[in-house]
Amino acid sequence: MQQKERDGVRQVSTATSSEPGESEETPIPELVIISGMSGAGRSTAAKCLEDLGWFVVDNLPPALIPTMVELGARSQGNVARIAVVVDVRGRRFFDNLRESLADLESKHVTRRIVFLESSDDALVRRFESVRRPHPLQGDGRIVDGIAAERDLLRELRGDADLVIDTSSLNVHELRAKMDAQFAGEEEPELRATVMSFGFKYGLPVDADLVVDMRFLPNPHWVPELRPFTGLSEEVSNFVLSQPGAKEFLDRYTELLQLVAAGYRREGKRYVTIAVGCTGGKHRSVAMAEKLASRLVSEGVETVVVHRDMGRE
């Protein structure tokens, strides 16, 4: 297990690193081009691929796609899969795209085109709900912009490797379709942040789940433990030896297993678990560390953050 620590943030993972001096031939990155109708879910599709570990570039001019792939090939394997979201507002869009695709084909780059489609009625409702104009409507109506874009995209839609009609899909259903196509046989990963904090400094605004360690005795009132934090063995042993502490850890870990399975089904890839005590120095820190270790043992990539540990 590897650990990296900096400014109160520790990355915990089960990955292994290569031995010094090892070198492997870096393959040309795999490429996915995401396009389609404005309002049909291009951003959601791109975000899904980003959560699956793809390097995503939004609104890249088609002429620059080969350059992006070349840069990825120079990354020593750090960028193995690239997703590019392209927009048809430029008049030379198709000329540039044809040239780029021909260039990629000559270099034997594996690429797929994903086209997001939707009905006119669904697109109109979406633009009206966010009170924004269609990018191609100009001085006309939303339907005029949709018609113009559909005409411009007709050829690209015919060339697409995957067409997804999002007319009746919600965000979670679209993510599920993208997962089915690009996640492979492996179950999409869930990444967790376990954050200790002090209630007197306020709740973390980005917390998905919050648990309160103030039901345990406070080491602050034990003179020999007060100067230390929950990272010390003395404080950690004190906290975990209290009645209910280990039971809480066991049962909350079981609960997180249930929640994590539901998050994966709903397409949620990130979860922040906030563990609080009065000052965020002793009980919450010790329990956050133990909880993170349990998550790692379950195969969850975990980051530990001690938000208030350094405060007086």
C-alpha atoms as a PDB file:
ATOM      1  CA  MET A   1       0.000   0.000   0.000  1.00  0.00           C
ATOM      2  CA  GLN A   2       1.351   3.430  -0.969  1.00  0.00           C
ATOM      3  CA  GLN A   3       0.882   6.627   1.027  1.00  0.00           C
ATOM      4  CA  LYS A   4       1.630  10.195  -0.023  1.00  0.00           C
ATOM      5  CA  GLU A   5       1.191  13.096   2.373  1.00  0.00           C
ATOM      6  CA  ARG A   6       1.266  16.833   1.831  1.00  0.00           C
ATOM      7  CA  ASP A   7      -0.354  19.717   3.731  1.00  0.00           C
ATOM      8  CA  GLY A   8      -2.699  17.459   5.693  1.00  0.00           C
ATOM      9  CA  VAL A   9      -3.844  15.486   2.648  1.00  0.00           C
ATOM     10  CA  ARG A  10      -2.806  11.859   2.348  1.00  0.00           C
ATOM     11  CA  GLN A  11      -3.418   9.685  -0.686  1.00  0.00           C
ATOM     12  CA  VAL A  12      -3.957   6.017   0.138  1.00  0.00           C
ATOM     13  CA  SER A  13      -4.086   3.405  -2.587  1.00  0.00           C
ATOM     14  CA  THR A  14      -3.292  -0.192  -3.300  1.00  0.00           C
ATOM     15  CA  ALA A  15      -1.389   0.550  -6.510  1.00  0.00           C
ATOM     16  CA  THR A  16       2.156  -0.650  -6.981  1.00  0.00           C
ATOM     17  CA  SER A  17       4.835   1.399  -8.667  1.00  0.00           C
ATOM     18  CA  SER A  18       7.269   0.259 -11.307  1.00  0.00           C
ATOM     19  CA  GLU A  19      10.842  -0.449 -10.350  1.00  0.00           C
ATOM     20  CA  PRO A  20      13.354   2.291 -11.216  1.00  0.00           C
ATOM     21  CA  GLY A  21      14.713   1.880 -14.665  1.00  0.00           C
ATOM     22  CA  GLU A  22      11.702  -0.017 -15.986  1.00  0.00           C
ATOM     23  CA  SER A  23      10.497   1.193 -19.359  1.00  0.00           C
ATOM     24  CA  GLU A  24       7.677  -0.043 -21.542  1.00  0.00           C
ATOM     25  CA  GLU A  25       6.692   1.021 -25.032  1.00  0.00           C
ATOM     26  CA  THR A  26       3.912   3.581 -24.715  1.00  0.00           C
ATOM     27  CA  PRO A  27       0.981   2.876 -27.071  1.00  0.00           C
ATOM     28  CA  ILE A  28      -0.792   5.560 -29.052  1.00  0.00           C
ATOM     29  CA  PRO A  29      -3.714   6.826 -26.944  1.00  0.00           C
ATOM     30  CA  GLU A  30      -7.208   5.578 -27.657  1.00  0.00           C
ATOM     31  CA  LEU A  31      -9.471   8.390 -28.876  1.00  0.00           C
ATOM     32  CA  VAL A  32     -13.183   9.090 -28.508  1.00  0.00           C
ATOM     33  CA  ILE A  33     -14.782  12.073 -30.232  1.00  0.00           C
ATOM     34  CA  ILE A  34     -17.984  13.259 -28.526  1.00  0.00           C
ATOM     35  CA  SER A  35     -20.340  15.393 -30.559  1.00  0.00           C
ATOM     36  CA  GLY A  36     -24.045  15.782 -31.181  1.00  0.00           C
ATOM     37  CA  MET A  37     -26.872  18.178 -30.611  1.00  0.00           C
ATOM     38  CA  SER A  38     -26.465  21.032 -28.154  1.00  0.00           C
ATOM     39  CA  GLY A  39     -28.498  20.157 -25.068  1.00  0.00           C
ATOM     40  CA  ALA A  40     -28.417  16.416 -25.797  1.00  0.00           C
ATOM     41  CA  GLY A  41     -25.935  15.611 -23.032  1.00  0.00           C
ATOM     42  CA  ARG A  42     -22.438  16.066 -24.451  1.00  0.00           C
ATOM     43  CA  SER A  43     -21.113  17.473 -21.165  1.00  0.00           C
ATOM     44  CA  THR A  44     -22.613  14.605 -19.167  1.00  0.00           C
ATOM     45  CA  ALA A  45     -21.092  12.032 -21.520  1.00  0.00           C
ATOM     46  CA  ALA A  46     -17.710  13.748 -21.272  1.00  0.00           C
ATOM     47  CA  LYS A  47     -17.903  13.862 -17.479  1.00  0.00           C
ATOM     48  CA  CYS A  48     -18.705  10.156 -17.398  1.00  0.00           C
ATOM     49  CA  LEU A  49     -15.584   9.331 -19.408  1.00  0.00           C
ATOM     50  CA  GLU A  50     -13.544  11.623 -17.156  1.00  0.00           C
ATOM     51  CA  ASP A  51     -14.781   9.672 -14.127  1.00  0.00           C
ATOM     52  CA  LEU A  52     -13.725   6.470 -15.875  1.00  0.00           C
ATOM     53  CA  GLY A  53     -10.181   7.774 -16.143  1.00  0.00           C
ATOM     54  CA  TRP A  54     -10.199   9.335 -19.618  1.00  0.00           C
ATOM     55  CA  PHE A  55      -8.363  12.598 -20.299  1.00  0.00           C
ATOM     56  CA  VAL A  56     -11.147  14.909 -21.506  1.00  0.00           C
ATOM     57  CA  VAL A  57     -10.755  18.072 -23.591  1.00  0.00           C
ATOM     58  CA  ASP A  58     -13.895  20.164 -24.123  1.00  0.00           C
ATOM     59  CA  ASN A  59     -14.613  22.185 -27.279  1.00  0.00           C
ATOM     60  CA  LEU A  60     -11.309  21.398 -28.999  1.00  0.00           C
ATOM     61  CA  PRO A  61     -11.090  22.612 -32.636  1.00  0.00           C
ATOM     62  CA  PRO A  62     -11.066  19.517 -34.881  1.00  0.00           C
ATOM     63  CA  ALA A  63      -7.815  20.614 -36.513  1.00  0.00           C
ATOM     64  CA  LEU A  64      -6.036  20.179 -33.170  1.00  0.00           C
ATOM     65  CA  ILE A  65      -7.167  16.601 -32.509  1.00  0.00           C
ATOM     66  CA  PRO A  66      -4.052  14.960 -34.052  1.00  0.00           C
ATOM     67  CA  THR A  67      -1.851  17.299 -32.012  1.00  0.00           C
ATOM     68  CA  MET A  68      -3.698  16.275 -28.843  1.00  0.00           C
ATOM     69  CA  VAL A  69      -3.168  12.599 -29.629  1.00  0.00           C
ATOM     70  CA  GLU A  70       0.515  13.210 -30.333  1.00  0.00           C
ATOM     71  CA  LEU A  71       0.942  14.965 -26.983  1.00  0.00           C
ATOM     72  CA  GLY A  72      -0.789  12.053 -25.279  1.00  0.00           C
ATOM     73  CA  ALA A  73       1.616   9.616 -26.914  1.00  0.00           C
ATOM     74  CA  ARG A  74       4.508  11.607 -25.432  1.00  0.00           C
ATOM     75  CA  SER A  75       3.113  11.378 -21.896  1.00  0.00           C
ATOM     76  CA  GLN A  76       4.951   8.152 -21.045  1.00  0.00           C
ATOM     77  CA  GLY A  77       1.681   6.298 -20.560  1.00  0.00           C
ATOM     78  CA  ASN A  78       0.025   8.926 -18.325  1.00  0.00           C
ATOM     79  CA  VAL A  79      -2.549   9.740 -21.014  1.00  0.00           C
ATOM     80  CA  ALA A  80      -3.674   6.446 -22.536  1.00  0.00           C
ATOM     81  CA  ARG A  81      -7.271   7.412 -23.371  1.00  0.00           C
ATOM     82  CA  ILE A  82      -8.412  10.777 -24.698  1.00  0.00           C
ATOM     83  CA  ALA A  83     -11.961  12.051 -25.150  1.00  0.00           C
ATOM     84  CA  VAL A  84     -12.528  15.207 -27.196  1.00  0.00           C
ATOM     85  CA  VAL A  85     -15.783  17.166 -27.223  1.00  0.00           C
ATOM     86  CA  VAL A  86     -16.209  19.003 -30.536  1.00  0.00           C
ATOM     87  CA  ASP A  87     -18.591  21.804 -31.445  1.00  0.00           C
ATOM     88  CA  VAL A  88     -19.918  22.612 -34.936  1.00  0.00           C
ATOM     89  CA  ARG A  89     -20.077  26.382 -34.629  1.00  0.00           C
ATOM     90  CA  GLY A  90     -17.050  26.837 -36.885  1.00  0.00           C
ATOM     91  CA  ARG A  91     -17.879  26.877 -40.612  1.00  0.00           C
ATOM     92  CA  ARG A  92     -14.813  24.804 -41.515  1.00  0.00           C
ATOM     93  CA  PHE A  93     -15.785  22.193 -38.957  1.00  0.00           C
ATOM     94  CA  PHE A  94     -16.265  19.292 -41.368  1.00  0.00           C
ATOM     95  CA  ASP A  95     -13.297  20.102 -43.573  1.00  0.00           C
ATOM     96  CA  ASN A  96     -11.027  20.196 -40.523  1.00  0.00           C
ATOM     97  CA  LEU A  97     -12.627  17.089 -39.026  1.00  0.00           C
ATOM     98  CA  ARG A  98     -12.209  15.083 -42.244  1.00  0.00           C
ATOM     99  CA  GLU A  99      -8.551  16.091 -42.452  1.00  0.00           C
ATOM    100  CA  SER A 100      -7.978  15.198 -38.794  1.00  0.00           C
ATOM    101  CA  LEU A 101      -9.680  11.807 -39.106  1.00  0.00           C
ATOM    102  CA  ALA A 102      -7.664  11.005 -42.227  1.00  0.00           C
ATOM    103  CA  ASP A 103      -4.478  11.947 -40.378  1.00  0.00           C
ATOM    104  CA  LEU A 104      -5.418   9.742 -37.426  1.00  0.00           C
ATOM    105  CA  GLU A 105      -6.256   6.817 -39.693  1.00  0.00           C
ATOM    106  CA  SER A 106      -2.843   7.057 -41.379  1.00  0.00           C
ATOM    107  CA  LYS A 107      -1.241   6.816 -37.921  1.00  0.00           C
ATOM    108  CA  HIS A 108      -3.394   3.798 -36.958  1.00  0.00           C
ATOM    109  CA  VAL A 109      -5.067   5.621 -34.073  1.00  0.00           C
ATOM    110  CA  THR A 110      -8.038   3.758 -32.596  1.00  0.00           C
ATOM    111  CA  ARG A 111     -10.902   6.220 -32.522  1.00  0.00           C
ATOM    112  CA  ARG A 112     -14.660   6.172 -32.016  1.00  0.00           C
ATOM    113  CA  ILE A 113     -17.283   8.850 -32.613  1.00  0.00           C
ATOM    114  CA  VAL A 114     -20.102   9.147 -30.071  1.00  0.00           C
ATOM    115  CA  PHE A 115     -23.094  11.182 -31.233  1.00  0.00           C
ATOM    116  CA  LEU A 116     -25.658  12.499 -28.722  1.00  0.00           C
ATOM    117  CA  GLU A 117     -29.104  12.844 -30.295  1.00  0.00           C
ATOM    118  CA  SER A 118     -32.413  14.132 -28.952  1.00  0.00           C
ATOM    119  CA  SER A 119     -35.828  15.091 -30.235  1.00  0.00           C
ATOM    120  CA  ASP A 120     -36.711  18.697 -31.012  1.00  0.00           C
ATOM    121  CA  ASP A 121     -39.330  18.757 -28.252  1.00  0.00           C
ATOM    122  CA  ALA A 122     -36.857  17.525 -25.633  1.00  0.00           C
ATOM    123  CA  LEU A 123     -34.191  20.017 -26.729  1.00  0.00           C
ATOM    124  CA  VAL A 124     -36.625  22.933 -26.630  1.00  0.00           C
ATOM    125  CA  ARG A 125     -37.721  21.991 -23.100  1.00  0.00           C
ATOM    126  CA  ARG A 126     -34.102  21.787 -21.938  1.00  0.00           C
ATOM    127  CA  PHE A 127     -33.121  25.168 -23.361  1.00  0.00           C
ATOM    128  CA  GLU A 128     -36.253  26.785 -21.959  1.00  0.00           C
ATOM    129  CA  SER A 129     -35.638  25.243 -18.519  1.00  0.00           C
ATOM    130  CA  VAL A 130     -32.167  26.850 -18.280  1.00  0.00           C
ATOM    131  CA  ARG A 131     -33.342  30.066 -20.035  1.00  0.00           C
ATOM    132  CA  ARG A 132     -30.486  30.063 -22.491  1.00  0.00           C
ATOM    133  CA  PRO A 133     -30.575  30.526 -26.276  1.00  0.00           C
ATOM    134  CA  HIS A 134     -29.484  27.855 -28.680  1.00  0.00           C
ATOM    135  CA  PRO A 135     -25.941  28.661 -29.888  1.00  0.00           C
ATOM    136  CA  LEU A 136     -27.065  28.727 -33.554  1.00  0.00           C
ATOM    137  CA  GLN A 137     -30.461  30.430 -33.265  1.00  0.00           C
ATOM    138  CA  GLY A 138     -29.147  33.970 -33.807  1.00  0.00           C
ATOM    139  CA  ASP A 139     -32.126  36.329 -33.892  1.00  0.00           C
ATOM    140  CA  GLY A 140     -34.541  33.479 -34.512  1.00  0.00           C
ATOM    141  CA  ARG A 141     -36.235  30.954 -32.252  1.00  0.00           C
ATOM    142  CA  ILE A 142     -34.772  27.966 -30.428  1.00  0.00           C
ATOM    143  CA  VAL A 143     -36.276  25.633 -33.029  1.00  0.00           C
ATOM    144  CA  ASP A 144     -34.446  27.536 -35.758  1.00  0.00           C
ATOM    145  CA  GLY A 145     -31.115  26.938 -34.038  1.00  0.00           C
ATOM    146  CA  ILE A 146     -31.934  23.264 -33.548  1.00  0.00           C
ATOM    147  CA  ALA A 147     -32.832  22.865 -37.222  1.00  0.00           C
ATOM    148  CA  ALA A 148     -29.622  24.569 -38.341  1.00  0.00           C
ATOM    149  CA  GLU A 149     -27.482  22.409 -36.070  1.00  0.00           C
ATOM    150  CA  ARG A 150     -29.237  19.201 -37.090  1.00  0.00           C
ATOM    151  CA  ASP A 151     -28.563  20.025 -40.738  1.00  0.00           C
ATOM    152  CA  LEU A 152     -24.870  20.699 -40.063  1.00  0.00           C
ATOM    153  CA  LEU A 153     -24.498  17.475 -38.098  1.00  0.00           C
ATOM    154  CA  ARG A 154     -26.306  15.129 -40.466  1.00  0.00           C
ATOM    155  CA  GLU A 155     -23.131  13.803 -42.084  1.00  0.00           C
ATOM    156  CA  LEU A 156     -21.325  13.340 -38.775  1.00  0.00           C
ATOM    157  CA  ARG A 157     -24.285  11.443 -37.345  1.00  0.00           C
ATOM    158  CA  GLY A 158     -24.062   9.052 -40.256  1.00  0.00           C
ATOM    159  CA  ASP A 159     -20.380   8.418 -39.550  1.00  0.00           C
ATOM    160  CA  ALA A 160     -20.837   7.907 -35.795  1.00  0.00           C
ATOM    161  CA  ASP A 161     -19.859   4.602 -34.211  1.00  0.00           C
ATOM    162  CA  LEU A 162     -22.352   5.085 -31.376  1.00  0.00           C
ATOM    163  CA  VAL A 163     -25.562   7.148 -31.436  1.00  0.00           C
ATOM    164  CA  ILE A 164     -27.362   7.686 -28.122  1.00  0.00           C
ATOM    165  CA  ASP A 165     -30.861   9.199 -28.151  1.00  0.00           C
ATOM    166  CA  THR A 166     -31.271  11.053 -24.849  1.00  0.00           C
ATOM    167  CA  SER A 167     -34.819  12.293 -25.456  1.00  0.00           C
ATOM    168  CA  SER A 168     -36.255  10.194 -22.627  1.00  0.00           C
ATOM    169  CA  LEU A 169     -33.081   9.642 -20.590  1.00  0.00           C
ATOM    170  CA  ASN A 170     -32.193  11.305 -17.312  1.00  0.00           C
ATOM    171  CA  VAL A 171     -28.595  12.025 -16.306  1.00  0.00           C
ATOM    172  CA  HIS A 172     -28.171   8.710 -14.473  1.00  0.00           C
ATOM    173  CA  GLU A 173     -29.518   6.688 -17.395  1.00  0.00           C
ATOM    174  CA  LEU A 174     -27.154   8.429 -19.822  1.00  0.00           C
ATOM    175  CA  ARG A 175     -24.209   7.745 -17.528  1.00  0.00           C
ATOM    176  CA  ALA A 176     -25.244   4.088 -17.332  1.00  0.00           C
ATOM    177  CA  LYS A 177     -25.233   3.833 -21.126  1.00  0.00           C
ATOM    178  CA  MET A 178     -21.767   5.400 -21.313  1.00  0.00           C
ATOM    179  CA  ASP A 179     -20.523   3.071 -18.574  1.00  0.00           C
ATOM    180  CA  ALA A 180     -21.852   0.086 -20.476  1.00  0.00           C
ATOM    181  CA  GLN A 181     -19.899   1.124 -23.559  1.00  0.00           C
ATOM    182  CA  PHE A 182     -16.633   2.312 -22.013  1.00  0.00           C
ATOM    183  CA  ALA A 183     -16.200   0.874 -18.521  1.00  0.00           C
ATOM    184  CA  GLY A 184     -15.301  -2.553 -19.909  1.00  0.00           C
ATOM    185  CA  GLU A 185     -15.851  -5.650 -17.835  1.00  0.00           C
ATOM    186  CA  GLU A 186     -14.607  -4.028 -14.650  1.00  0.00           C
ATOM    187  CA  GLU A 187     -17.088  -2.352 -12.327  1.00  0.00           C
ATOM    188  CA  PRO A 188     -16.587   1.445 -12.379  1.00  0.00           C
ATOM    189  CA  GLU A 189     -14.433   2.573  -9.488  1.00  0.00           C
ATOM    190  CA  LEU A 190     -15.682   4.598  -6.539  1.00  0.00           C
ATOM    191  CA  ARG A 191     -13.267   7.144  -5.112  1.00  0.00           C
ATOM    192  CA  ALA A 192     -13.667   8.319  -1.539  1.00  0.00           C
ATOM    193  CA  THR A 193     -12.438  11.295   0.443  1.00  0.00           C
ATOM    194  CA  VAL A 194     -12.508  10.790   4.206  1.00  0.00           C
ATOM    195  CA  MET A 195     -12.306  14.184   5.900  1.00  0.00           C
ATOM    196  CA  SER A 196     -11.897  14.856   9.608  1.00  0.00           C
ATOM    197  CA  PHE A 197     -13.206  18.206  10.834  1.00  0.00           C
ATOM    198  CA  GLY A 198     -14.188  20.170  13.921  1.00  0.00           C
ATOM    199  CA  PHE A 199     -17.841  21.080  14.421  1.00  0.00           C
ATOM    200  CA  LYS A 200     -16.836  24.393  15.982  1.00  0.00           C
ATOM    201  CA  TYR A 201     -15.335  25.395  12.621  1.00  0.00           C
ATOM    202  CA  GLY A 202     -18.430  24.461  10.624  1.00  0.00           C
ATOM    203  CA  LEU A 203     -19.593  21.538   8.523  1.00  0.00           C
ATOM    204  CA  PRO A 204     -17.689  20.771   5.285  1.00  0.00           C
ATOM    205  CA  VAL A 205     -19.833  22.141   2.468  1.00  0.00           C
ATOM    206  CA  ASP A 206     -18.910  19.299   0.105  1.00  0.00           C
ATOM    207  CA  ALA A 207     -19.717  16.414   2.456  1.00  0.00           C
ATOM    208  CA  ASP A 208     -22.000  13.665   1.165  1.00  0.00           C
ATOM    209  CA  LEU A 209     -22.099  11.824   4.508  1.00  0.00           C
ATOM    210  CA  VAL A 210     -21.436  13.249   7.986  1.00  0.00           C
ATOM    211  CA  VAL A 211     -20.763  11.258  11.165  1.00  0.00           C
ATOM    212  CA  ASP A 212     -20.289  12.621  14.695  1.00  0.00           C
ATOM    213  CA  MET A 213     -17.585  11.271  17.011  1.00  0.00           C
ATOM    214  CA  ARG A 214     -18.637  13.399  19.973  1.00  0.00           C
ATOM    215  CA  PHE A 215     -20.274  10.352  21.570  1.00  0.00           C
ATOM    216  CA  LEU A 216     -16.747   9.240  22.539  1.00  0.00           C
ATOM    217  CA  PRO A 217     -14.716  10.721  25.436  1.00  0.00           C
ATOM    218  CA  ASN A 218     -12.529  13.636  24.355  1.00  0.00           C
ATOM    219  CA  PRO A 219      -8.737  13.060  24.621  1.00  0.00           C
ATOM    220  CA  HIS A 220      -8.408  16.832  24.979  1.00  0.00           C
ATOM    221  CA  TRP A 221      -9.293  16.403  28.651  1.00  0.00           C
ATOM    222  CA  VAL A 222      -6.552  13.829  29.216  1.00  0.00           C
ATOM    223  CA  PRO A 223      -3.456  15.954  29.994  1.00  0.00           C
ATOM    224  CA  GLU A 224      -0.910  13.512  28.575  1.00  0.00           C
ATOM    225  CA  LEU A 225      -2.880  13.182  25.297  1.00  0.00           C
ATOM    226  CA  ARG A 226      -3.881  16.814  24.749  1.00  0.00           C
ATOM    227  CA  PRO A 227      -0.675  17.864  22.865  1.00  0.00           C
ATOM    228  CA  PHE A 228      -0.998  15.010  20.361  1.00  0.00           C
ATOM    229  CA  THR A 229      -3.370  14.430  17.447  1.00  0.00           C
ATOM    230  CA  GLY A 230      -5.389  11.455  16.306  1.00  0.00           C
ATOM    231  CA  LEU A 231      -2.446  10.431  14.125  1.00  0.00           C
ATOM    232  CA  SER A 232      -0.467   9.401  17.199  1.00  0.00           C
ATOM    233  CA  GLU A 233      -0.681   5.818  18.375  1.00  0.00           C
ATOM    234  CA  GLU A 234      -1.508   6.890  21.935  1.00  0.00           C
ATOM    235  CA  VAL A 235      -4.549   8.935  20.936  1.00  0.00           C
ATOM    236  CA  SER A 236      -5.711   6.379  18.363  1.00  0.00           C
ATOM    237  CA  ASN A 237      -5.557   3.559  20.910  1.00  0.00           C
ATOM    238  CA  PHE A 238      -7.410   5.689  23.468  1.00  0.00           C
ATOM    239  CA  VAL A 239     -10.217   6.514  21.012  1.00  0.00           C
ATOM    240  CA  LEU A 240     -10.625   2.962  19.674  1.00  0.00           C
ATOM    241  CA  SER A 241     -10.620   1.494  23.208  1.00  0.00           C
ATOM    242  CA  GLN A 242     -13.706   3.456  24.251  1.00  0.00           C
ATOM    243  CA  PRO A 243     -17.077   1.652  24.538  1.00  0.00           C
ATOM    244  CA  GLY A 244     -18.868   1.684  21.191  1.00  0.00           C
ATOM    245  CA  ALA A 245     -15.874   2.849  19.113  1.00  0.00           C
ATOM    246  CA  LYS A 246     -14.989  -0.431  17.445  1.00  0.00           C
ATOM    247  CA  GLU A 247     -18.643  -1.357  17.078  1.00  0.00           C
ATOM    248  CA  PHE A 248     -19.271   1.939  15.324  1.00  0.00           C
ATOM    249  CA  LEU A 249     -16.313   1.371  12.983  1.00  0.00           C
ATOM    250  CA  ASP A 250     -17.484  -2.130  12.068  1.00  0.00           C
ATOM    251  CA  ARG A 251     -21.095  -1.210  11.472  1.00  0.00           C
ATOM    252  CA  TYR A 252     -20.402   2.033   9.652  1.00  0.00           C
ATOM    253  CA  THR A 253     -18.019   0.187   7.329  1.00  0.00           C
ATOM    254  CA  GLU A 254     -20.822  -2.270   6.535  1.00  0.00           C
ATOM    255  CA  LEU A 255     -23.176   0.639   5.889  1.00  0.00           C
ATOM    256  CA  LEU A 256     -20.665   2.246   3.515  1.00  0.00           C
ATOM    257  CA  GLN A 257     -20.424  -1.000   1.547  1.00  0.00           C
ATOM    258  CA  LEU A 258     -24.185  -0.847   1.001  1.00  0.00           C
ATOM    259  CA  VAL A 259     -24.097   2.858   0.117  1.00  0.00           C
ATOM    260  CA  ALA A 260     -21.123   2.419  -2.222  1.00  0.00           C
ATOM    261  CA  ALA A 261     -22.941  -0.265  -4.204  1.00  0.00           C
ATOM    262  CA  GLY A 262     -25.888   2.112  -4.626  1.00  0.00           C
ATOM    263  CA  TYR A 263     -23.639   4.980  -5.660  1.00  0.00           C
ATOM    264  CA  ARG A 264     -22.088   2.817  -8.379  1.00  0.00           C
ATOM    265  CA  ARG A 265     -25.515   1.819  -9.685  1.00  0.00           C
ATOM    266  CA  GLU A 266     -26.567   5.477  -9.827  1.00  0.00           C
ATOM    267  CA  GLY A 267     -23.383   6.539 -11.622  1.00  0.00           C
ATOM    268  CA  LYS A 268     -21.877   8.415  -8.679  1.00  0.00           C
ATOM    269  CA  ARG A 269     -18.093   8.044  -8.724  1.00  0.00           C
ATOM    270  CA  TYR A 270     -16.987  10.288  -5.858  1.00  0.00           C
ATOM    271  CA  VAL A 271     -18.062  10.412  -2.227  1.00  0.00           C
ATOM    272  CA  THR A 272     -16.875  12.637   0.610  1.00  0.00           C
ATOM    273  CA  ILE A 273     -17.300  11.229   4.111  1.00  0.00           C
ATOM    274  CA  ALA A 274     -16.925  13.844   6.851  1.00  0.00           C
ATOM    275  CA  VAL A 275     -15.979  12.604  10.326  1.00  0.00           C
ATOM    276  CA  GLY A 276     -16.424  15.260  12.989  1.00  0.00           C
ATOM    277  CA  CYS A 277     -15.604  15.954  16.608  1.00  0.00           C
ATOM    278  CA  THR A 278     -15.444  19.173  18.603  1.00  0.00           C
ATOM    279  CA  GLY A 279     -12.123  20.551  17.364  1.00  0.00           C
ATOM    280  CA  GLY A 280     -11.134  18.167  14.588  1.00  0.00           C
ATOM    281  CA  LYS A 281      -7.873  17.174  16.271  1.00  0.00           C
ATOM    282  CA  HIS A 282      -8.288  13.901  18.167  1.00  0.00           C
ATOM    283  CA  ARG A 283     -11.375  11.683  17.828  1.00  0.00           C
ATOM    284  CA  SER A 284     -12.321  12.571  14.256  1.00  0.00           C
ATOM    285  CA  VAL A 285      -8.729  12.236  13.039  1.00  0.00           C
ATOM    286  CA  ALA A 286      -8.240   8.814  14.640  1.00  0.00           C
ATOM    287  CA  MET A 287     -11.561   7.487  13.341  1.00  0.00           C
ATOM    288  CA  ALA A 288     -11.037   8.944   9.853  1.00  0.00           C
ATOM    289  CA  GLU A 289      -7.716   7.125   9.617  1.00  0.00           C
ATOM    290  CA  LYS A 290      -9.256   3.810  10.646  1.00  0.00           C
ATOM    291  CA  LEU A 291     -12.226   4.268   8.336  1.00  0.00           C
ATOM    292  CA  ALA A 292      -9.940   5.072   5.388  1.00  0.00           C
ATOM    293  CA  SER A 293      -7.942   1.901   6.055  1.00  0.00           C
ATOM    294  CA  ARG A 294     -11.137  -0.132   5.991  1.00  0.00           C
ATOM    295  CA  LEU A 295     -12.149   1.412   2.661  1.00  0.00           C
ATOM    296  CA  VAL A 296      -8.739   0.698   1.150  1.00  0.00           C
ATOM    297  CA  SER A 297      -9.034  -2.937   2.237  1.00  0.00           C
ATOM    298  CA  GLU A 298     -12.322  -3.022   0.286  1.00  0.00           C
ATOM    299  CA  GLY A 299     -10.537  -1.789  -2.847  1.00  0.00           C
ATOM    300  CA  VAL A 300     -11.772   1.816  -2.704  1.00  0.00           C
ATOM    301  CA  GLU A 301      -9.266   4.470  -3.777  1.00  0.00           C
ATOM    302  CA  THR A 302      -9.197   6.796  -0.785  1.00  0.00           C
ATOM    303  CA  VAL A 303      -7.871  10.241   0.082  1.00  0.00           C
ATOM    304  CA  VAL A 304      -7.624  11.297   3.741  1.00  0.00           C
ATOM    305  CA  VAL A 305      -7.947  15.000   4.576  1.00  0.00           C
ATOM    306  CA  HIS A 306      -7.594  16.429   8.094  1.00  0.00           C
ATOM    307  CA  ARG A 307      -9.181  19.839   7.623  1.00  0.00           C
ATOM    308  CA  ASP A 308      -8.837  21.301  11.115  1.00  0.00           C
ATOM    309  CA  MET A 309      -6.082  19.243  12.706  1.00  0.00           C
ATOM    310  CA  GLY A 310      -3.585  22.120  12.662  1.00  0.00           C
ATOM    311  CA  ARG A 311      -5.904  24.715  14.185  1.00  0.00           C
ATOM    312  CA  GLU A 312      -5.504  25.874  17.750  1.00  0.00           C
END
